[in-house]
Amino acid sequence: MPRDFDISYDAPIDQVPRVPVGKMWPIPVHRRLEQLVDVARADGERTSATELLAAIVYAFEATPENITSALRAYRTSTAGEHLIDRGGGDVLRFKKRAQGRPVGR
């Protein structure tokens, strides 16, 4: 990201400079993000994990109470609680998925 630059307050968000996020997180959290994208696409949205994450960050009400509550819920969660559709059994199995948008979309 450049050191100093200006962005118009009224600039559409999809037209402003971007920065990489590049953070590491647990596999079940990543799978949940993939599942959330799948749900959105099944509902007709043409979206990506990047756009969905940005939308979630934008929509999150930034109060100390909300932030603290979200952190506490996350810190006390289990791997299985992160998945929308975890299947059956006591062990979570993960298969690597192709990156990016599905072909033909």
N, C-alpha and C. Protein backbone atom coordinates (compact mmCIF):
# COMPACT_ATOMS: atom_id res chain seq x y z
N MET A 1 0.86 -1.17 0.00
CA MET A 1 0.00 0.00 0.00
C MET A 1 0.90 1.23 0.00
N PRO A 2 0.59 2.21 -0.85
CA PRO A 2 1.37 3.45 -0.85
C PRO A 2 1.27 4.14 0.50
N ARG A 3 2.29 4.91 0.82
CA ARG A 3 2.29 5.59 2.13
C ARG A 3 1.16 6.61 2.25
N ASP A 4 1.07 7.52 1.30
CA ASP A 4 0.06 8.57 1.36
C ASP A 4 -0.73 8.59 0.06
N PHE A 5 -2.03 8.61 0.18
CA PHE A 5 -2.89 8.75 -0.99
C PHE A 5 -4.27 9.17 -0.52
N ASP A 6 -5.03 9.69 -1.45
CA ASP A 6 -6.39 10.15 -1.14
C ASP A 6 -7.39 9.28 -1.87
N ILE A 7 -8.51 9.03 -1.24
CA ILE A 7 -9.64 8.33 -1.86
C ILE A 7 -10.86 9.20 -1.61
N SER A 8 -11.61 9.46 -2.66
CA SER A 8 -12.82 10.24 -2.52
C SER A 8 -13.80 9.51 -1.60
N TYR A 9 -14.42 10.26 -0.72
CA TYR A 9 -15.39 9.69 0.21
C TYR A 9 -16.51 8.98 -0.53
N ASP A 10 -16.86 9.48 -1.69
CA ASP A 10 -17.97 8.93 -2.47
C ASP A 10 -17.54 7.90 -3.51
N ALA A 11 -16.28 7.49 -3.50
CA ALA A 11 -15.80 6.50 -4.47
C ALA A 11 -16.46 5.15 -4.22
N PRO A 12 -16.98 4.51 -5.27
CA PRO A 12 -17.53 3.16 -5.09
C PRO A 12 -16.44 2.22 -4.56
N ILE A 13 -16.79 1.41 -3.60
CA ILE A 13 -15.80 0.58 -2.91
C ILE A 13 -15.07 -0.37 -3.85
N ASP A 14 -15.72 -0.79 -4.92
CA ASP A 14 -15.05 -1.71 -5.84
C ASP A 14 -14.09 -1.00 -6.79
N GLN A 15 -13.95 0.32 -6.63
CA GLN A 15 -13.04 1.08 -7.48
C GLN A 15 -11.90 1.73 -6.71
N VAL A 16 -11.72 1.38 -5.46
CA VAL A 16 -10.62 1.95 -4.68
C VAL A 16 -9.47 0.95 -4.62
N PRO A 17 -8.24 1.44 -4.34
CA PRO A 17 -7.09 0.52 -4.27
C PRO A 17 -7.31 -0.59 -3.25
N ARG A 18 -6.70 -1.72 -3.51
CA ARG A 18 -6.84 -2.90 -2.64
C ARG A 18 -5.51 -3.23 -1.97
N VAL A 19 -5.61 -3.91 -0.84
CA VAL A 19 -4.43 -4.40 -0.13
C VAL A 19 -4.64 -5.88 0.18
N PRO A 20 -3.57 -6.67 0.18
CA PRO A 20 -3.73 -8.08 0.53
C PRO A 20 -3.97 -8.24 2.03
N VAL A 21 -4.76 -9.25 2.38
CA VAL A 21 -5.03 -9.53 3.79
C VAL A 21 -3.98 -10.49 4.33
N GLY A 22 -3.83 -11.64 3.71
CA GLY A 22 -2.76 -12.57 4.02
C GLY A 22 -2.64 -13.00 5.47
N LYS A 23 -3.71 -13.35 6.11
CA LYS A 23 -3.68 -13.83 7.49
C LYS A 23 -3.89 -15.33 7.52
N MET A 24 -3.45 -15.97 8.58
CA MET A 24 -3.64 -17.41 8.77
C MET A 24 -4.76 -17.62 9.78
N TRP A 25 -5.59 -18.67 9.53
CA TRP A 25 -6.63 -19.00 10.48
C TRP A 25 -6.91 -20.49 10.41
N PRO A 26 -7.65 -21.03 11.38
CA PRO A 26 -7.90 -22.47 11.43
C PRO A 26 -8.68 -22.97 10.21
N ILE A 27 -8.40 -24.19 9.81
CA ILE A 27 -9.05 -24.82 8.66
C ILE A 27 -10.58 -24.79 8.78
N PRO A 28 -11.18 -25.12 9.93
CA PRO A 28 -12.65 -25.08 9.99
C PRO A 28 -13.22 -23.68 9.73
N VAL A 29 -12.51 -22.64 10.09
CA VAL A 29 -12.97 -21.28 9.82
C VAL A 29 -12.95 -21.03 8.31
N HIS A 30 -11.89 -21.48 7.66
CA HIS A 30 -11.79 -21.34 6.21
C HIS A 30 -12.90 -22.13 5.51
N ARG A 31 -13.16 -23.33 5.99
CA ARG A 31 -14.23 -24.12 5.39
C ARG A 31 -15.57 -23.44 5.57
N ARG A 32 -15.79 -22.82 6.73
CA ARG A 32 -17.05 -22.09 6.94
C ARG A 32 -17.18 -20.96 5.91
N LEU A 33 -16.11 -20.25 5.67
CA LEU A 33 -16.14 -19.19 4.66
C LEU A 33 -16.50 -19.77 3.30
N GLU A 34 -15.92 -20.90 2.93
CA GLU A 34 -16.26 -21.55 1.66
C GLU A 34 -17.75 -21.92 1.63
N GLN A 35 -18.25 -22.43 2.74
CA GLN A 35 -19.66 -22.80 2.81
C GLN A 35 -20.56 -21.57 2.71
N LEU A 36 -20.17 -20.47 3.33
CA LEU A 36 -20.95 -19.24 3.23
C LEU A 36 -21.00 -18.74 1.79
N VAL A 37 -19.88 -18.83 1.09
CA VAL A 37 -19.85 -18.45 -0.33
C VAL A 37 -20.77 -19.36 -1.12
N ASP A 38 -20.73 -20.66 -0.84
CA ASP A 38 -21.61 -21.61 -1.52
C ASP A 38 -23.08 -21.26 -1.30
N VAL A 39 -23.45 -20.90 -0.07
CA VAL A 39 -24.83 -20.52 0.23
C VAL A 39 -25.23 -19.28 -0.57
N ALA A 40 -24.36 -18.29 -0.60
CA ALA A 40 -24.65 -17.06 -1.36
C ALA A 40 -24.82 -17.36 -2.84
N ARG A 41 -23.94 -18.19 -3.39
CA ARG A 41 -24.01 -18.53 -4.81
C ARG A 41 -25.28 -19.33 -5.12
N ALA A 42 -25.67 -20.21 -4.21
CA ALA A 42 -26.89 -20.99 -4.41
C ALA A 42 -28.12 -20.08 -4.42
N ASP A 43 -27.99 -18.92 -3.78
CA ASP A 43 -29.08 -17.95 -3.76
C ASP A 43 -28.98 -16.96 -4.92
N GLY A 44 -28.04 -17.21 -5.85
CA GLY A 44 -27.94 -16.38 -7.04
C GLY A 44 -26.91 -15.28 -6.99
N GLU A 45 -26.18 -15.15 -5.89
CA GLU A 45 -25.15 -14.12 -5.80
C GLU A 45 -23.90 -14.54 -6.57
N ARG A 46 -23.34 -13.63 -7.31
CA ARG A 46 -22.05 -13.86 -7.97
C ARG A 46 -21.02 -13.19 -7.07
N THR A 47 -20.38 -13.98 -6.22
CA THR A 47 -19.50 -13.40 -5.21
C THR A 47 -18.25 -14.25 -5.05
N SER A 48 -17.37 -13.79 -4.22
CA SER A 48 -16.13 -14.50 -3.90
C SER A 48 -15.91 -14.45 -2.40
N ALA A 49 -14.98 -15.24 -1.93
CA ALA A 49 -14.65 -15.22 -0.50
C ALA A 49 -14.13 -13.84 -0.11
N THR A 50 -13.35 -13.23 -0.97
CA THR A 50 -12.81 -11.89 -0.68
C THR A 50 -13.94 -10.88 -0.50
N GLU A 51 -14.89 -10.88 -1.43
CA GLU A 51 -15.99 -9.93 -1.34
C GLU A 51 -16.85 -10.21 -0.11
N LEU A 52 -17.11 -11.48 0.19
CA LEU A 52 -17.93 -11.82 1.34
C LEU A 52 -17.25 -11.38 2.64
N LEU A 53 -15.95 -11.63 2.76
CA LEU A 53 -15.23 -11.18 3.96
C LEU A 53 -15.30 -9.67 4.11
N ALA A 54 -15.10 -8.96 3.01
CA ALA A 54 -15.17 -7.50 3.06
C ALA A 54 -16.57 -7.04 3.48
N ALA A 55 -17.60 -7.69 2.97
CA ALA A 55 -18.98 -7.34 3.32
C ALA A 55 -19.25 -7.60 4.80
N ILE A 56 -18.72 -8.70 5.31
CA ILE A 56 -18.92 -9.02 6.74
C ILE A 56 -18.22 -7.98 7.61
N VAL A 57 -17.00 -7.62 7.26
CA VAL A 57 -16.27 -6.60 8.03
C VAL A 57 -17.03 -5.28 7.99
N TYR A 58 -17.53 -4.93 6.81
CA TYR A 58 -18.30 -3.67 6.67
C TYR A 58 -19.57 -3.71 7.52
N ALA A 59 -20.28 -4.81 7.51
CA ALA A 59 -21.57 -4.90 8.18
C ALA A 59 -21.47 -5.07 9.70
N PHE A 60 -20.30 -5.46 10.19
CA PHE A 60 -20.13 -5.70 11.61
C PHE A 60 -20.26 -4.39 12.38
N GLU A 61 -21.17 -4.34 13.35
CA GLU A 61 -21.36 -3.13 14.14
C GLU A 61 -20.21 -3.03 15.15
N ALA A 62 -19.37 -2.04 14.96
CA ALA A 62 -18.12 -1.91 15.71
C ALA A 62 -18.31 -1.25 17.07
N THR A 63 -18.95 -1.97 17.97
CA THR A 63 -19.04 -1.50 19.35
C THR A 63 -18.14 -2.38 20.21
N PRO A 64 -17.63 -1.85 21.30
CA PRO A 64 -16.80 -2.69 22.18
C PRO A 64 -17.52 -3.97 22.61
N GLU A 65 -18.82 -3.87 22.87
CA GLU A 65 -19.58 -5.03 23.31
C GLU A 65 -19.64 -6.10 22.22
N ASN A 66 -19.90 -5.69 20.99
CA ASN A 66 -19.96 -6.65 19.88
C ASN A 66 -18.61 -7.30 19.63
N ILE A 67 -17.57 -6.51 19.67
CA ILE A 67 -16.24 -7.05 19.43
C ILE A 67 -15.86 -8.04 20.53
N THR A 68 -16.08 -7.66 21.78
CA THR A 68 -15.77 -8.55 22.90
C THR A 68 -16.59 -9.82 22.84
N SER A 69 -17.87 -9.70 22.54
CA SER A 69 -18.74 -10.87 22.45
C SER A 69 -18.29 -11.81 21.34
N ALA A 70 -17.96 -11.26 20.18
CA ALA A 70 -17.50 -12.09 19.06
C ALA A 70 -16.19 -12.78 19.40
N LEU A 71 -15.26 -12.07 20.00
CA LEU A 71 -13.98 -12.68 20.38
C LEU A 71 -14.18 -13.81 21.40
N ARG A 72 -15.01 -13.58 22.38
CA ARG A 72 -15.24 -14.62 23.40
C ARG A 72 -15.92 -15.84 22.80
N ALA A 73 -16.90 -15.61 21.92
CA ALA A 73 -17.58 -16.74 21.28
C ALA A 73 -16.59 -17.53 20.42
N TYR A 74 -15.76 -16.85 19.66
CA TYR A 74 -14.77 -17.52 18.82
C TYR A 74 -13.77 -18.30 19.67
N ARG A 75 -13.26 -17.69 20.70
CA ARG A 75 -12.22 -18.32 21.53
C ARG A 75 -12.71 -19.55 22.27
N THR A 76 -13.99 -19.65 22.51
CA THR A 76 -14.53 -20.81 23.23
C THR A 76 -15.21 -21.81 22.30
N SER A 77 -15.15 -21.58 21.00
CA SER A 77 -15.81 -22.47 20.03
C SER A 77 -14.98 -23.73 19.78
N THR A 78 -15.65 -24.72 19.23
CA THR A 78 -14.97 -25.95 18.82
C THR A 78 -14.91 -26.01 17.30
N ALA A 79 -14.06 -26.85 16.77
CA ALA A 79 -13.90 -26.96 15.32
C ALA A 79 -15.23 -27.27 14.64
N GLY A 80 -15.99 -28.20 15.17
CA GLY A 80 -17.24 -28.60 14.56
C GLY A 80 -18.30 -27.53 14.54
N GLU A 81 -18.26 -26.61 15.49
CA GLU A 81 -19.25 -25.53 15.54
C GLU A 81 -19.10 -24.54 14.40
N HIS A 82 -17.97 -24.53 13.73
CA HIS A 82 -17.74 -23.57 12.66
C HIS A 82 -18.38 -23.99 11.34
N LEU A 83 -18.66 -25.25 11.19
CA LEU A 83 -19.14 -25.73 9.90
C LEU A 83 -20.66 -25.63 9.80
N ILE A 84 -21.11 -25.18 8.66
CA ILE A 84 -22.55 -25.08 8.41
C ILE A 84 -23.12 -26.49 8.23
N ASP A 85 -22.44 -27.31 7.45
CA ASP A 85 -22.84 -28.70 7.23
C ASP A 85 -21.64 -29.57 7.53
N ARG A 86 -21.57 -30.09 8.72
CA ARG A 86 -20.38 -30.84 9.12
C ARG A 86 -20.47 -32.32 8.82
N GLY A 87 -21.66 -32.79 8.41
CA GLY A 87 -21.80 -34.22 8.17
C GLY A 87 -21.96 -34.95 9.50
N GLY A 88 -21.74 -36.26 9.47
CA GLY A 88 -21.90 -37.04 10.69
C GLY A 88 -20.56 -37.45 11.27
N GLY A 89 -20.60 -38.04 12.43
CA GLY A 89 -19.41 -38.54 13.07
C GLY A 89 -18.74 -37.52 13.97
N ASP A 90 -17.68 -38.01 14.64
CA ASP A 90 -16.97 -37.19 15.61
C ASP A 90 -15.68 -36.60 15.06
N VAL A 91 -15.33 -36.94 13.81
CA VAL A 91 -14.10 -36.45 13.21
C VAL A 91 -14.45 -35.64 11.97
N LEU A 92 -13.85 -34.47 11.83
CA LEU A 92 -14.07 -33.64 10.65
C LEU A 92 -13.05 -34.02 9.59
N ARG A 93 -13.51 -34.31 8.40
CA ARG A 93 -12.62 -34.65 7.29
C ARG A 93 -12.64 -33.51 6.28
N PHE A 94 -11.45 -33.10 5.87
CA PHE A 94 -11.33 -31.99 4.94
C PHE A 94 -10.60 -32.45 3.69
N LYS A 95 -11.20 -32.14 2.55
CA LYS A 95 -10.57 -32.39 1.26
C LYS A 95 -10.26 -31.04 0.66
N LYS A 96 -9.09 -30.92 0.07
CA LYS A 96 -8.70 -29.65 -0.53
C LYS A 96 -9.64 -29.31 -1.68
N ARG A 97 -10.09 -28.06 -1.71
CA ARG A 97 -10.97 -27.57 -2.77
C ARG A 97 -10.17 -26.69 -3.71
N ALA A 98 -10.62 -26.62 -4.95
CA ALA A 98 -9.98 -25.72 -5.91
C ALA A 98 -10.19 -24.28 -5.47
N GLN A 99 -9.21 -23.43 -5.71
CA GLN A 99 -9.31 -22.02 -5.35
C GLN A 99 -10.03 -21.24 -6.45
N GLY A 100 -10.61 -20.11 -6.09
CA GLY A 100 -11.26 -19.24 -7.07
C GLY A 100 -12.71 -19.61 -7.33
N ARG A 101 -13.27 -18.93 -8.30
CA ARG A 101 -14.67 -19.15 -8.66
C ARG A 101 -14.81 -20.43 -9.47
N PRO A 102 -15.93 -21.13 -9.32
CA PRO A 102 -16.15 -22.32 -10.13
C PRO A 102 -16.16 -21.99 -11.62
N VAL A 103 -15.69 -22.89 -12.42
CA VAL A 103 -15.67 -22.71 -13.86
C VAL A 103 -17.10 -22.55 -14.37
N GLY A 104 -17.29 -21.61 -15.28
CA GLY A 104 -18.62 -21.41 -15.87
C GLY A 104 -19.48 -20.41 -15.14
N ARG A 105 -18.92 -19.74 -14.13
CA ARG A 105 -19.71 -18.74 -13.39
C ARG A 105 -19.16 -17.36 -13.64
